[in-house]
Amino acid sequence: MDATLEEVVRVVRETGGLKELNPDADFYDQGFSSVSALQLLIEVEEQFGVTIPDDAFVKARSARDLAALVSNLKGSGAP
């Protein structure tokens, strides 16, 4: 698991109050609500210094998807 994925998994687990998390598990199947997903979005943006477009965040339904999105945003120089 790469460093970005490990860190995203950690943030997802902390935000969702999860002891374990399969990186490919859908957030909503793990008990996330729209409110907790919004909290996750804010945490990830703060932790990684990126701004995630709403439409992209909605499509990123797992920690692996979210980590790839963060990596792409950081690599593109996007804020």
Protein backbone atom coordinates (compact mmCIF):
# COMPACT_ATOMS: atom_id res chain seq x y z
CA MET A 1 0.00 0.00 0.00
CA ASP A 2 1.48 3.36 -0.95
CA ALA A 3 1.85 6.23 1.53
CA THR A 4 -1.09 8.24 0.17
CA LEU A 5 -3.39 5.22 0.33
CA GLU A 6 -2.23 4.39 3.88
CA GLU A 7 -2.90 7.96 4.99
CA VAL A 8 -6.32 8.10 3.29
CA VAL A 9 -7.26 4.78 4.93
CA ARG A 10 -6.24 6.25 8.29
CA VAL A 11 -8.36 9.39 7.73
CA VAL A 12 -11.35 7.31 6.57
CA ARG A 13 -11.08 5.03 9.59
CA GLU A 14 -10.82 7.94 12.02
CA THR A 15 -13.62 9.92 10.41
CA GLY A 16 -15.92 6.91 10.23
CA GLY A 17 -14.97 5.49 13.62
CA LEU A 18 -13.90 2.24 11.97
CA LYS A 19 -11.39 -0.19 13.48
CA GLU A 20 -10.57 -1.77 10.14
CA LEU A 21 -11.15 -0.81 6.53
CA ASN A 22 -10.70 -2.65 3.27
CA PRO A 23 -9.29 0.02 0.92
CA ASP A 24 -11.72 -1.14 -1.78
CA ALA A 25 -14.83 -1.07 0.42
CA ASP A 26 -17.55 1.43 -0.49
CA PHE A 27 -17.80 4.19 2.15
CA TYR A 28 -21.56 3.91 2.33
CA ASP A 29 -21.41 0.12 2.79
CA GLN A 30 -19.15 0.85 5.79
CA GLY A 31 -21.83 3.00 7.42
CA PHE A 32 -20.96 6.47 6.14
CA SER A 33 -23.85 8.90 5.81
CA SER A 34 -23.89 12.04 3.69
CA VAL A 35 -22.86 14.01 6.79
CA SER A 36 -19.90 11.76 7.58
CA ALA A 37 -18.89 11.80 3.90
CA LEU A 38 -18.82 15.61 4.05
CA GLN A 39 -16.66 15.40 7.17
CA LEU A 40 -14.37 13.02 5.28
CA LEU A 41 -14.11 15.43 2.36
CA ILE A 42 -13.11 18.27 4.69
CA GLU A 43 -10.55 16.11 6.53
CA VAL A 44 -8.93 14.84 3.34
CA GLU A 45 -8.72 18.34 1.85
CA GLU A 46 -7.09 19.65 5.05
CA GLN A 47 -4.71 16.70 5.46
CA PHE A 48 -3.48 16.74 1.88
CA GLY A 49 -3.79 20.43 1.01
CA VAL A 50 -6.02 19.81 -2.01
CA THR A 51 -9.43 21.00 -3.13
CA ILE A 52 -11.54 18.10 -4.33
CA PRO A 53 -14.30 18.94 -6.80
CA ASP A 54 -17.69 17.75 -5.55
CA ASP A 55 -18.39 15.66 -8.66
CA ALA A 56 -15.04 13.88 -8.34
CA PHE A 57 -15.56 13.21 -4.62
CA VAL A 58 -18.99 11.68 -5.24
CA LYS A 59 -17.42 9.22 -7.71
CA ALA A 60 -14.62 8.24 -5.29
CA ARG A 61 -16.51 5.68 -3.22
CA SER A 62 -13.58 3.87 -1.59
CA ALA A 63 -10.32 4.79 0.13
CA ARG A 64 -8.41 3.52 -2.91
CA ASP A 65 -10.47 5.73 -5.24
CA LEU A 66 -10.03 8.70 -2.93
CA ALA A 67 -6.27 8.14 -2.64
CA ALA A 68 -5.95 8.01 -6.43
CA LEU A 69 -7.93 11.25 -6.68
CA VAL A 70 -5.70 12.94 -4.10
CA SER A 71 -2.55 11.72 -5.88
CA ASN A 72 -3.84 13.03 -9.21
CA LEU A 73 -4.70 16.41 -7.71
CA LYS A 74 -1.34 16.72 -5.99
CA GLY A 75 0.46 15.64 -9.15
CA SER A 76 -1.40 18.13 -11.32
CA GLY A 77 -0.57 21.05 -9.06
CA ALA A 78 -4.27 21.69 -8.50
CA PRO A 79 -5.05 23.55 -5.26
